[in-house]
Amino acid sequence: MKNIHKRMPLSIQKTIVLREEGKDEDINALSIKAFNEEKEAALSLRADFHNEPARSTLFRNAASLAMDCREYAEAEKLAAEGLAGNPPQKLMNELRELYQLINARLYMEVS
């Protein structure tokens, strides 16, 4: 198994600290950076179905970060990629819940 994300990306750590400190002005840029880093990591395992649960975890995280950035269509695609793998049941349930939440947001955008 590949050695993927031994620790949280630095941009995600910085975003968490900024939220705790109430520094909203820098959060958006860091959220976008964190999303792009997690998406890149997830896509690097797109076809590596033998690398579970790392593969689906990365797609779940990337989809969640896409939602934080209000990139709902991108979040939907990433969650679907995670569901296309073979994650453990708990992670599968988390991805399904996330997918439903994303679709609700997409529906609200269209309405």
PDB file of N, CA and C in Angstrom:
ATOM      1  N   MET A   1       0.839  -1.168   0.000  1.00  0.00           N
ATOM      2  CA  MET A   1       0.000   0.000   0.000  1.00  0.00           C
ATOM      3  C   MET A   1       0.892   1.242   0.000  1.00  0.00           C
ATOM      4  N   LYS A   2       0.499   2.220  -0.790  1.00  0.00           N
ATOM      5  CA  LYS A   2       1.261   3.459  -0.870  1.00  0.00           C
ATOM      6  C   LYS A   2       1.170   4.226   0.435  1.00  0.00           C
ATOM      7  N   ASN A   3       2.186   5.026   0.692  1.00  0.00           N
ATOM      8  CA  ASN A   3       2.221   5.851   1.898  1.00  0.00           C
ATOM      9  C   ASN A   3       1.556   7.191   1.579  1.00  0.00           C
ATOM     10  N   ILE A   4       0.267   7.311   1.841  1.00  0.00           N
ATOM     11  CA  ILE A   4      -0.516   8.492   1.489  1.00  0.00           C
ATOM     12  C   ILE A   4      -0.880   9.254   2.756  1.00  0.00           C
ATOM     13  N   HIS A   5      -0.584  10.546   2.756  1.00  0.00           N
ATOM     14  CA  HIS A   5      -0.999  11.465   3.819  1.00  0.00           C
ATOM     15  C   HIS A   5      -0.781  10.916   5.223  1.00  0.00           C
ATOM     16  N   LYS A   6       0.465  10.842   5.640  1.00  0.00           N
ATOM     17  CA  LYS A   6       0.728  10.428   7.017  1.00  0.00           C
ATOM     18  C   LYS A   6       0.159  11.439   7.992  1.00  0.00           C
ATOM     19  N   ARG A   7       0.065  12.686   7.530  1.00  0.00           N
ATOM     20  CA  ARG A   7      -0.516  13.718   8.377  1.00  0.00           C
ATOM     21  C   ARG A   7      -1.353  14.649   7.513  1.00  0.00           C
ATOM     22  N   MET A   8      -2.151  15.459   8.156  1.00  0.00           N
ATOM     23  CA  MET A   8      -3.020  16.388   7.473  1.00  0.00           C
ATOM     24  C   MET A   8      -2.184  17.410   6.704  1.00  0.00           C
ATOM     25  N   PRO A   9      -2.596  17.770   5.459  1.00  0.00           N
ATOM     26  CA  PRO A   9      -1.856  18.794   4.718  1.00  0.00           C
ATOM     27  C   PRO A   9      -1.771  20.096   5.509  1.00  0.00           C
ATOM     28  N   LEU A  10      -0.652  20.786   5.334  1.00  0.00           N
ATOM     29  CA  LEU A  10      -0.400  22.021   6.071  1.00  0.00           C
ATOM     30  C   LEU A  10      -1.489  23.058   5.843  1.00  0.00           C
ATOM     31  N   SER A  11      -2.013  23.160   4.619  1.00  0.00           N
ATOM     32  CA  SER A  11      -3.050  24.162   4.353  1.00  0.00           C
ATOM     33  C   SER A  11      -4.323  23.870   5.142  1.00  0.00           C
ATOM     34  N   ILE A  12      -4.642  22.603   5.357  1.00  0.00           N
ATOM     35  CA  ILE A  12      -5.821  22.261   6.163  1.00  0.00           C
ATOM     36  C   ILE A  12      -5.558  22.625   7.618  1.00  0.00           C
ATOM     37  N   GLN A  13      -4.356  22.335   8.104  1.00  0.00           N
ATOM     38  CA  GLN A  13      -4.009  22.694   9.477  1.00  0.00           C
ATOM     39  C   GLN A  13      -4.117  24.198   9.689  1.00  0.00           C
ATOM     40  N   LYS A  14      -3.595  24.986   8.734  1.00  0.00           N
ATOM     41  CA  LYS A  14      -3.649  26.438   8.843  1.00  0.00           C
ATOM     42  C   LYS A  14      -5.095  26.942   8.831  1.00  0.00           C
ATOM     43  N   THR A  15      -5.932  26.326   8.002  1.00  0.00           N
ATOM     44  CA  THR A  15      -7.340  26.727   7.928  1.00  0.00           C
ATOM     45  C   THR A  15      -8.027  26.504   9.267  1.00  0.00           C
ATOM     46  N   ILE A  16      -7.749  25.387   9.894  1.00  0.00           N
ATOM     47  CA  ILE A  16      -8.352  25.077  11.194  1.00  0.00           C
ATOM     48  C   ILE A  16      -7.920  26.113  12.234  1.00  0.00           C
ATOM     49  N   VAL A  17      -6.632  26.446  12.253  1.00  0.00           N
ATOM     50  CA  VAL A  17      -6.120  27.437  13.206  1.00  0.00           C
ATOM     51  C   VAL A  17      -6.760  28.799  12.953  1.00  0.00           C
ATOM     52  N   LEU A  18      -6.851  29.206  11.689  1.00  0.00           N
ATOM     53  CA  LEU A  18      -7.459  30.502  11.367  1.00  0.00           C
ATOM     54  C   LEU A  18      -8.923  30.558  11.788  1.00  0.00           C
ATOM     55  N   ARG A  19      -9.650  29.452  11.603  1.00  0.00           N
ATOM     56  CA  ARG A  19     -11.059  29.412  12.043  1.00  0.00           C
ATOM     57  C   ARG A  19     -11.149  29.596  13.556  1.00  0.00           C
ATOM     58  N   GLU A  20     -10.273  28.901  14.272  1.00  0.00           N
ATOM     59  CA  GLU A  20     -10.269  29.003  15.733  1.00  0.00           C
ATOM     60  C   GLU A  20      -9.929  30.417  16.193  1.00  0.00           C
ATOM     61  N   GLU A  21      -9.093  31.106  15.420  1.00  0.00           N
ATOM     62  CA  GLU A  21      -8.695  32.471  15.765  1.00  0.00           C
ATOM     63  C   GLU A  21      -9.660  33.518  15.213  1.00  0.00           C
ATOM     64  N   GLY A  22     -10.652  33.088  14.440  1.00  0.00           N
ATOM     65  CA  GLY A  22     -11.626  34.019  13.884  1.00  0.00           C
ATOM     66  C   GLY A  22     -11.089  34.864  12.743  1.00  0.00           C
ATOM     67  N   LYS A  23     -10.069  34.399  12.069  1.00  0.00           N
ATOM     68  CA  LYS A  23      -9.463  35.150  10.966  1.00  0.00           C
ATOM     69  C   LYS A  23     -10.051  34.686   9.634  1.00  0.00           C
ATOM     70  N   ASP A  24     -11.272  35.122   9.386  1.00  0.00           N
ATOM     71  CA  ASP A  24     -12.003  34.676   8.205  1.00  0.00           C
ATOM     72  C   ASP A  24     -11.415  35.164   6.881  1.00  0.00           C
ATOM     73  N   GLU A  25     -10.662  36.261   6.913  1.00  0.00           N
ATOM     74  CA  GLU A  25     -10.163  36.843   5.670  1.00  0.00           C
ATOM     75  C   GLU A  25      -9.210  35.930   4.906  1.00  0.00           C
ATOM     76  N   ASP A  26      -8.479  35.074   5.618  1.00  0.00           N
ATOM     77  CA  ASP A  26      -7.513  34.196   4.961  1.00  0.00           C
ATOM     78  C   ASP A  26      -8.027  32.774   4.745  1.00  0.00           C
ATOM     79  N   ILE A  27      -9.158  32.477   5.329  1.00  0.00           N
ATOM     80  CA  ILE A  27      -9.663  31.105   5.284  1.00  0.00           C
ATOM     81  C   ILE A  27     -10.030  30.680   3.871  1.00  0.00           C
ATOM     82  N   ASN A  28     -10.658  31.543   3.098  1.00  0.00           N
ATOM     83  CA  ASN A  28     -11.106  31.168   1.767  1.00  0.00           C
ATOM     84  C   ASN A  28      -9.949  30.707   0.886  1.00  0.00           C
ATOM     85  N   ALA A  29      -8.873  31.465   0.853  1.00  0.00           N
ATOM     86  CA  ALA A  29      -7.720  31.102   0.024  1.00  0.00           C
ATOM     87  C   ALA A  29      -7.108  29.779   0.480  1.00  0.00           C
ATOM     88  N   LEU A  30      -7.010  29.601   1.781  1.00  0.00           N
ATOM     89  CA  LEU A  30      -6.443  28.341   2.285  1.00  0.00           C
ATOM     90  C   LEU A  30      -7.377  27.169   2.050  1.00  0.00           C
ATOM     91  N   SER A  31      -8.676  27.404   2.131  1.00  0.00           N
ATOM     92  CA  SER A  31      -9.641  26.335   1.857  1.00  0.00           C
ATOM     93  C   SER A  31      -9.515  25.866   0.417  1.00  0.00           C
ATOM     94  N   ILE A  32      -9.376  26.809  -0.489  1.00  0.00           N
ATOM     95  CA  ILE A  32      -9.210  26.457  -1.903  1.00  0.00           C
ATOM     96  C   ILE A  32      -7.913  25.682  -2.111  1.00  0.00           C
ATOM     97  N   LYS A  33      -6.845  26.119  -1.451  1.00  0.00           N
ATOM     98  CA  LYS A  33      -5.564  25.415  -1.563  1.00  0.00           C
ATOM     99  C   LYS A  33      -5.678  23.998  -1.001  1.00  0.00           C
ATOM    100  N   ALA A  34      -6.303  23.859   0.149  1.00  0.00           N
ATOM    101  CA  ALA A  34      -6.485  22.534   0.758  1.00  0.00           C
ATOM    102  C   ALA A  34      -7.315  21.639  -0.149  1.00  0.00           C
ATOM    103  N   PHE A  35      -8.380  22.196  -0.719  1.00  0.00           N
ATOM    104  CA  PHE A  35      -9.224  21.437  -1.640  1.00  0.00           C
ATOM    105  C   PHE A  35      -8.403  20.941  -2.826  1.00  0.00           C
ATOM    106  N   ASN A  36      -7.630  21.827  -3.437  1.00  0.00           N
ATOM    107  CA  ASN A  36      -6.839  21.437  -4.602  1.00  0.00           C
ATOM    108  C   ASN A  36      -5.801  20.372  -4.265  1.00  0.00           C
ATOM    109  N   GLU A  37      -5.187  20.470  -3.096  1.00  0.00           N
ATOM    110  CA  GLU A  37      -4.201  19.464  -2.676  1.00  0.00           C
ATOM    111  C   GLU A  37      -4.868  18.104  -2.461  1.00  0.00           C
ATOM    112  N   GLU A  38      -6.007  18.117  -1.786  1.00  0.00           N
ATOM    113  CA  GLU A  38      -6.695  16.850  -1.500  1.00  0.00           C
ATOM    114  C   GLU A  38      -7.250  16.236  -2.784  1.00  0.00           C
ATOM    115  N   LYS A  39      -7.772  17.078  -3.672  1.00  0.00           N
ATOM    116  CA  LYS A  39      -8.283  16.591  -4.960  1.00  0.00           C
ATOM    117  C   LYS A  39      -7.164  15.947  -5.768  1.00  0.00           C
ATOM    118  N   GLU A  40      -5.999  16.603  -5.816  1.00  0.00           N
ATOM    119  CA  GLU A  40      -4.854  16.060  -6.544  1.00  0.00           C
ATOM    120  C   GLU A  40      -4.440  14.702  -5.976  1.00  0.00           C
ATOM    121  N   ALA A  41      -4.400  14.601  -4.659  1.00  0.00           N
ATOM    122  CA  ALA A  41      -4.038  13.327  -4.022  1.00  0.00           C
ATOM    123  C   ALA A  41      -5.074  12.256  -4.341  1.00  0.00           C
ATOM    124  N   ALA A  42      -6.347  12.622  -4.281  1.00  0.00           N
ATOM    125  CA  ALA A  42      -7.418  11.660  -4.571  1.00  0.00           C
ATOM    126  C   ALA A  42      -7.333  11.190  -6.021  1.00  0.00           C
ATOM    127  N   LEU A  43      -7.170  12.122  -6.933  1.00  0.00           N
ATOM    128  CA  LEU A  43      -7.118  11.754  -8.350  1.00  0.00           C
ATOM    129  C   LEU A  43      -5.908  10.889  -8.678  1.00  0.00           C
ATOM    130  N   SER A  44      -4.845  11.015  -7.883  1.00  0.00           N
ATOM    131  CA  SER A  44      -3.673  10.161  -8.116  1.00  0.00           C
ATOM    132  C   SER A  44      -3.985   8.693  -7.823  1.00  0.00           C
ATOM    133  N   LEU A  45      -5.049   8.455  -7.061  1.00  0.00           N
ATOM    134  CA  LEU A  45      -5.461   7.071  -6.745  1.00  0.00           C
ATOM    135  C   LEU A  45      -6.760   6.681  -7.444  1.00  0.00           C
ATOM    136  N   ARG A  46      -7.186   7.478  -8.407  1.00  0.00           N
ATOM    137  CA  ARG A  46      -8.481   7.260  -9.064  1.00  0.00           C
ATOM    138  C   ARG A  46      -8.689   5.800  -9.493  1.00  0.00           C
ATOM    139  N   ALA A  47      -7.726   5.206 -10.122  1.00  0.00           N
ATOM    140  CA  ALA A  47      -7.876   3.844 -10.636  1.00  0.00           C
ATOM    141  C   ALA A  47      -7.235   2.793  -9.743  1.00  0.00           C
ATOM    142  N   ASP A  48      -6.750   3.188  -8.576  1.00  0.00           N
ATOM    143  CA  ASP A  48      -6.058   2.268  -7.666  1.00  0.00           C
ATOM    144  C   ASP A  48      -7.052   1.689  -6.661  1.00  0.00           C
ATOM    145  N   PHE A  49      -7.932   0.821  -7.142  1.00  0.00           N
ATOM    146  CA  PHE A  49      -9.003   0.273  -6.317  1.00  0.00           C
ATOM    147  C   PHE A  49      -8.503  -0.686  -5.239  1.00  0.00           C
ATOM    148  N   HIS A  50      -7.239  -1.062  -5.300  1.00  0.00           N
ATOM    149  CA  HIS A  50      -6.664  -1.947  -4.287  1.00  0.00           C
ATOM    150  C   HIS A  50      -6.105  -1.165  -3.102  1.00  0.00           C
ATOM    151  N   ASN A  51      -6.163   0.147  -3.178  1.00  0.00           N
ATOM    152  CA  ASN A  51      -5.595   0.989  -2.127  1.00  0.00           C
ATOM    153  C   ASN A  51      -6.713   1.602  -1.272  1.00  0.00           C
ATOM    154  N   GLU A  52      -7.549   0.734  -0.752  1.00  0.00           N
ATOM    155  CA  GLU A  52      -8.626   1.165   0.141  1.00  0.00           C
ATOM    156  C   GLU A  52      -8.207   0.883   1.579  1.00  0.00           C
ATOM    157  N   PRO A  53      -8.584   1.706   2.514  1.00  0.00           N
ATOM    158  CA  PRO A  53      -9.546   2.807   2.430  1.00  0.00           C
ATOM    159  C   PRO A  53      -8.933   4.158   2.069  1.00  0.00           C
ATOM    160  N   ALA A  54      -7.614   4.189   1.782  1.00  0.00           N
ATOM    161  CA  ALA A  54      -6.964   5.474   1.491  1.00  0.00           C
ATOM    162  C   ALA A  54      -7.619   6.176   0.310  1.00  0.00           C
ATOM    163  N   ARG A  55      -7.908   5.428  -0.738  1.00  0.00           N
ATOM    164  CA  ARG A  55      -8.489   6.009  -1.944  1.00  0.00           C
ATOM    165  C   ARG A  55      -9.811   6.710  -1.640  1.00  0.00           C
ATOM    166  N   SER A  56     -10.729   5.993  -1.050  1.00  0.00           N
ATOM    167  CA  SER A  56     -12.052   6.564  -0.774  1.00  0.00           C
ATOM    168  C   SER A  56     -12.004   7.664   0.279  1.00  0.00           C
ATOM    169  N   THR A  57     -11.081   7.544   1.226  1.00  0.00           N
ATOM    170  CA  THR A  57     -10.925   8.592   2.242  1.00  0.00           C
ATOM    171  C   THR A  57     -10.499   9.899   1.586  1.00  0.00           C
ATOM    172  N   LEU A  58      -9.555   9.826   0.657  1.00  0.00           N
ATOM    173  CA  LEU A  58      -9.112  11.030  -0.040  1.00  0.00           C
ATOM    174  C   LEU A  58     -10.249  11.652  -0.851  1.00  0.00           C
ATOM    175  N   PHE A  59     -11.041  10.813  -1.512  1.00  0.00           N
ATOM    176  CA  PHE A  59     -12.173  11.352  -2.277  1.00  0.00           C
ATOM    177  C   PHE A  59     -13.228  11.958  -1.354  1.00  0.00           C
ATOM    178  N   ARG A  60     -13.466  11.335  -0.210  1.00  0.00           N
ATOM    179  CA  ARG A  60     -14.419  11.905   0.749  1.00  0.00           C
ATOM    180  C   ARG A  60     -13.926  13.266   1.243  1.00  0.00           C
ATOM    181  N   ASN A  61     -12.653  13.338   1.604  1.00  0.00           N
ATOM    182  CA  ASN A  61     -12.090  14.590   2.095  1.00  0.00           C
ATOM    183  C   ASN A  61     -12.120  15.676   1.026  1.00  0.00           C
ATOM    184  N   ALA A  62     -11.761  15.317  -0.193  1.00  0.00           N
ATOM    185  CA  ALA A  62     -11.771  16.287  -1.289  1.00  0.00           C
ATOM    186  C   ALA A  62     -13.193  16.784  -1.556  1.00  0.00           C
ATOM    187  N   ALA A  63     -14.169  15.891  -1.506  1.00  0.00           N
ATOM    188  CA  ALA A  63     -15.564  16.296  -1.719  1.00  0.00           C
ATOM    189  C   ALA A  63     -16.034  17.232  -0.609  1.00  0.00           C
ATOM    190  N   SER A  64     -15.650  16.937   0.621  1.00  0.00           N
ATOM    191  CA  SER A  64     -16.016  17.806   1.744  1.00  0.00           C
ATOM    192  C   SER A  64     -15.395  19.190   1.601  1.00  0.00           C
ATOM    193  N   LEU A  65     -14.137  19.231   1.206  1.00  0.00           N
ATOM    194  CA  LEU A  65     -13.467  20.516   1.009  1.00  0.00           C
ATOM    195  C   LEU A  65     -14.079  21.275  -0.172  1.00  0.00           C
ATOM    196  N   ALA A  66     -14.475  20.567  -1.209  1.00  0.00           N
ATOM    197  CA  ALA A  66     -15.147  21.219  -2.343  1.00  0.00           C
ATOM    198  C   ALA A  66     -16.445  21.871  -1.877  1.00  0.00           C
ATOM    199  N   MET A  67     -17.156  21.193  -0.998  1.00  0.00           N
ATOM    200  CA  MET A  67     -18.383  21.781  -0.450  1.00  0.00           C
ATOM    201  C   MET A  67     -18.060  23.042   0.334  1.00  0.00           C
ATOM    202  N   ASP A  68     -17.012  23.006   1.133  1.00  0.00           N
ATOM    203  CA  ASP A  68     -16.596  24.190   1.897  1.00  0.00           C
ATOM    204  C   ASP A  68     -16.324  25.373   0.970  1.00  0.00           C
ATOM    205  N   CYS A  69     -15.832  25.063  -0.230  1.00  0.00           N
ATOM    206  CA  CYS A  69     -15.521  26.102  -1.219  1.00  0.00           C
ATOM    207  C   CYS A  69     -16.724  26.420  -2.112  1.00  0.00           C
ATOM    208  N   ARG A  70     -17.859  25.814  -1.812  1.00  0.00           N
ATOM    209  CA  ARG A  70     -19.096  25.978  -2.573  1.00  0.00           C
ATOM    210  C   ARG A  70     -18.954  25.512  -4.024  1.00  0.00           C
ATOM    211  N   GLU A  71     -18.117  24.521  -4.220  1.00  0.00           N
ATOM    212  CA  GLU A  71     -17.923  23.889  -5.526  1.00  0.00           C
ATOM    213  C   GLU A  71     -18.735  22.597  -5.543  1.00  0.00           C
ATOM    214  N   TYR A  72     -20.064  22.748  -5.547  1.00  0.00           N
ATOM    215  CA  TYR A  72     -20.949  21.605  -5.340  1.00  0.00           C
ATOM    216  C   TYR A  72     -20.904  20.588  -6.480  1.00  0.00           C
ATOM    217  N   ALA A  73     -20.820  21.037  -7.712  1.00  0.00           N
ATOM    218  CA  ALA A  73     -20.752  20.093  -8.828  1.00  0.00           C
ATOM    219  C   ALA A  73     -19.466  19.270  -8.753  1.00  0.00           C
ATOM    220  N   GLU A  74     -18.364  19.922  -8.394  1.00  0.00           N
ATOM    221  CA  GLU A  74     -17.089  19.218  -8.234  1.00  0.00           C
ATOM    222  C   GLU A  74     -17.163  18.258  -7.053  1.00  0.00           C
ATOM    223  N   ALA A  75     -17.794  18.687  -5.979  1.00  0.00           N
ATOM    224  CA  ALA A  75     -17.965  17.828  -4.806  1.00  0.00           C
ATOM    225  C   ALA A  75     -18.749  16.571  -5.166  1.00  0.00           C
ATOM    226  N   GLU A  76     -19.781  16.732  -5.968  1.00  0.00           N
ATOM    227  CA  GLU A  76     -20.597  15.588  -6.390  1.00  0.00           C
ATOM    228  C   GLU A  76     -19.752  14.570  -7.158  1.00  0.00           C
ATOM    229  N   LYS A  77     -18.936  15.046  -8.081  1.00  0.00           N
ATOM    230  CA  LYS A  77     -18.077  14.148  -8.871  1.00  0.00           C
ATOM    231  C   LYS A  77     -17.086  13.404  -7.981  1.00  0.00           C
ATOM    232  N   LEU A  78     -16.498  14.132  -7.029  1.00  0.00           N
ATOM    233  CA  LEU A  78     -15.510  13.514  -6.147  1.00  0.00           C
ATOM    234  C   LEU A  78     -16.136  12.475  -5.226  1.00  0.00           C
ATOM    235  N   ALA A  79     -17.309  12.776  -4.702  1.00  0.00           N
ATOM    236  CA  ALA A  79     -18.007  11.799  -3.850  1.00  0.00           C
ATOM    237  C   ALA A  79     -18.363  10.556  -4.653  1.00  0.00           C
ATOM    238  N   ALA A  80     -18.797  10.756  -5.890  1.00  0.00           N
ATOM    239  CA  ALA A  80     -19.139   9.617  -6.753  1.00  0.00           C
ATOM    240  C   ALA A  80     -17.909   8.759  -7.029  1.00  0.00           C
ATOM    241  N   GLU A  81     -16.755   9.402  -7.224  1.00  0.00           N
ATOM    242  CA  GLU A  81     -15.511   8.642  -7.432  1.00  0.00           C
ATOM    243  C   GLU A  81     -15.188   7.799  -6.199  1.00  0.00           C
ATOM    244  N   GLY A  82     -15.393   8.375  -5.027  1.00  0.00           N
ATOM    245  CA  GLY A  82     -15.159   7.624  -3.797  1.00  0.00           C
ATOM    246  C   GLY A  82     -16.086   6.425  -3.685  1.00  0.00           C
ATOM    247  N   LEU A  83     -17.334   6.633  -4.067  1.00  0.00           N
ATOM    248  CA  LEU A  83     -18.318   5.547  -4.019  1.00  0.00           C
ATOM    249  C   LEU A  83     -18.024   4.457  -5.059  1.00  0.00           C
ATOM    250  N   ALA A  84     -17.307   4.818  -6.116  1.00  0.00           N
ATOM    251  CA  ALA A  84     -16.994   3.856  -7.168  1.00  0.00           C
ATOM    252  C   ALA A  84     -15.970   2.820  -6.725  1.00  0.00           C
ATOM    253  N   GLY A  85     -15.292   3.091  -5.628  1.00  0.00           N
ATOM    254  CA  GLY A  85     -14.298   2.150  -5.125  1.00  0.00           C
ATOM    255  C   GLY A  85     -14.945   1.072  -4.272  1.00  0.00           C
ATOM    256  N   ASN A  86     -14.153   0.529  -3.378  1.00  0.00           N
ATOM    257  CA  ASN A  86     -14.631  -0.519  -2.489  1.00  0.00           C
ATOM    258  C   ASN A  86     -14.276  -0.161  -1.047  1.00  0.00           C
ATOM    259  N   PRO A  87     -14.841   0.964  -0.557  1.00  0.00           N
ATOM    260  CA  PRO A  87     -14.488   1.391   0.803  1.00  0.00           C
ATOM    261  C   PRO A  87     -15.136   0.511   1.858  1.00  0.00           C
ATOM    262  N   PRO A  88     -14.597   0.528   3.074  1.00  0.00           N
ATOM    263  CA  PRO A  88     -15.261  -0.172   4.177  1.00  0.00           C
ATOM    264  C   PRO A  88     -16.661   0.411   4.377  1.00  0.00           C
ATOM    265  N   GLN A  89     -17.528  -0.361   4.988  1.00  0.00           N
ATOM    266  CA  GLN A  89     -18.937   0.024   5.114  1.00  0.00           C
ATOM    267  C   GLN A  89     -19.129   1.394   5.763  1.00  0.00           C
ATOM    268  N   LYS A  90     -18.401   1.678   6.830  1.00  0.00           N
ATOM    269  CA  LYS A  90     -18.560   2.966   7.514  1.00  0.00           C
ATOM    270  C   LYS A  90     -18.228   4.124   6.575  1.00  0.00           C
ATOM    271  N   LEU A  91     -17.141   3.999   5.839  1.00  0.00           N
ATOM    272  CA  LEU A  91     -16.747   5.027   4.891  1.00  0.00           C
ATOM    273  C   LEU A  91     -17.748   5.116   3.737  1.00  0.00           C
ATOM    274  N   MET A  92     -18.262   3.986   3.307  1.00  0.00           N
ATOM    275  CA  MET A  92     -19.292   3.969   2.256  1.00  0.00           C
ATOM    276  C   MET A  92     -20.518   4.760   2.720  1.00  0.00           C
ATOM    277  N   ASN A  93     -20.917   4.550   3.963  1.00  0.00           N
ATOM    278  CA  ASN A  93     -22.068   5.288   4.497  1.00  0.00           C
ATOM    279  C   ASN A  93     -21.788   6.787   4.568  1.00  0.00           C
ATOM    280  N   GLU A  94     -20.577   7.157   4.971  1.00  0.00           N
ATOM    281  CA  GLU A  94     -20.205   8.572   5.028  1.00  0.00           C
ATOM    282  C   GLU A  94     -20.248   9.194   3.637  1.00  0.00           C
ATOM    283  N   LEU A  95     -19.752   8.483   2.645  1.00  0.00           N
ATOM    284  CA  LEU A  95     -19.785   8.983   1.274  1.00  0.00           C
ATOM    285  C   LEU A  95     -21.216   9.123   0.765  1.00  0.00           C
ATOM    286  N   ARG A  96     -22.065   8.172   1.094  1.00  0.00           N
ATOM    287  CA  ARG A  96     -23.481   8.265   0.674  1.00  0.00           C
ATOM    288  C   ARG A  96     -24.162   9.466   1.309  1.00  0.00           C
ATOM    289  N   GLU A  97     -23.918   9.676   2.598  1.00  0.00           N
ATOM    290  CA  GLU A  97     -24.506  10.836   3.282  1.00  0.00           C
ATOM    291  C   GLU A  97     -23.989  12.138   2.679  1.00  0.00           C
ATOM    292  N   LEU A  98     -22.703  12.192   2.413  1.00  0.00           N
ATOM    293  CA  LEU A  98     -22.110  13.375   1.811  1.00  0.00           C
ATOM    294  C   LEU A  98     -22.698  13.618   0.428  1.00  0.00           C
ATOM    295  N   TYR A  99     -22.852  12.567  -0.353  1.00  0.00           N
ATOM    296  CA  TYR A  99     -23.421  12.673  -1.695  1.00  0.00           C
ATOM    297  C   TYR A  99     -24.846  13.233  -1.635  1.00  0.00           C
ATOM    298  N   GLN A 100     -25.627  12.758  -0.678  1.00  0.00           N
ATOM    299  CA  GLN A 100     -26.996  13.266  -0.516  1.00  0.00           C
ATOM    300  C   GLN A 100     -26.987  14.746  -0.126  1.00  0.00           C
ATOM    301  N   LEU A 101     -26.097  15.130   0.762  1.00  0.00           N
ATOM    302  CA  LEU A 101     -25.996  16.526   1.176  1.00  0.00           C
ATOM    303  C   LEU A 101     -25.596  17.415  -0.005  1.00  0.00           C
ATOM    304  N   ILE A 102     -24.647  16.947  -0.782  1.00  0.00           N
ATOM    305  CA  ILE A 102     -24.207  17.688  -1.967  1.00  0.00           C
ATOM    306  C   ILE A 102     -25.365  17.872  -2.928  1.00  0.00           C
ATOM    307  N   ASN A 103     -26.110  16.816  -3.174  1.00  0.00           N
ATOM    308  CA  ASN A 103     -27.237  16.909  -4.096  1.00  0.00           C
ATOM    309  C   ASN A 103     -28.312  17.856  -3.589  1.00  0.00           C
ATOM    310  N   ALA A 104     -28.509  17.899  -2.289  1.00  0.00           N
ATOM    311  CA  ALA A 104     -29.467  18.847  -1.721  1.00  0.00           C
ATOM    312  C   ALA A 104     -28.989  20.277  -1.976  1.00  0.00           C
ATOM    313  N   ARG A 105     -27.697  20.528  -1.814  1.00  0.00           N
ATOM    314  CA  ARG A 105     -27.140  21.865  -2.078  1.00  0.00           C
ATOM    315  C   ARG A 105     -27.268  22.216  -3.556  1.00  0.00           C
ATOM    316  N   LEU A 106     -26.985  21.257  -4.423  1.00  0.00           N
ATOM    317  CA  LEU A 106     -27.128  21.498  -5.857  1.00  0.00           C
ATOM    318  C   LEU A 106     -28.574  21.824  -6.212  1.00  0.00           C
ATOM    319  N   TYR A 107     -29.502  21.116  -5.617  1.00  0.00           N
ATOM    320  CA  TYR A 107     -30.926  21.354  -5.858  1.00  0.00           C
ATOM    321  C   TYR A 107     -31.304  22.762  -5.412  1.00  0.00           C
ATOM    322  N   MET A 108     -30.792  23.179  -4.253  1.00  0.00           N
ATOM    323  CA  MET A 108     -31.099  24.518  -3.726  1.00  0.00           C
ATOM    324  C   MET A 108     -30.510  25.598  -4.625  1.00  0.00           C
ATOM    325  N   GLU A 109     -29.349  25.339  -5.233  1.00  0.00           N
ATOM    326  CA  GLU A 109     -28.736  26.300  -6.156  1.00  0.00           C
ATOM    327  C   GLU A 109     -29.593  26.514  -7.380  1.00  0.00           C
ATOM    328  N   VAL A 110     -30.196  25.446  -7.882  1.00  0.00           N
ATOM    329  CA  VAL A 110     -31.001  25.507  -9.104  1.00  0.00           C
ATOM    330  C   VAL A 110     -32.359  26.156  -8.825  1.00  0.00           C
ATOM    331  N   SER A 111     -32.884  25.931  -7.638  1.00  0.00           N
ATOM    332  CA  SER A 111     -34.226  26.448  -7.292  1.00  0.00           C
ATOM    333  C   SER A 111     -34.250  27.943  -7.126  1.00  0.00           C
TER     334      SER A 111
END
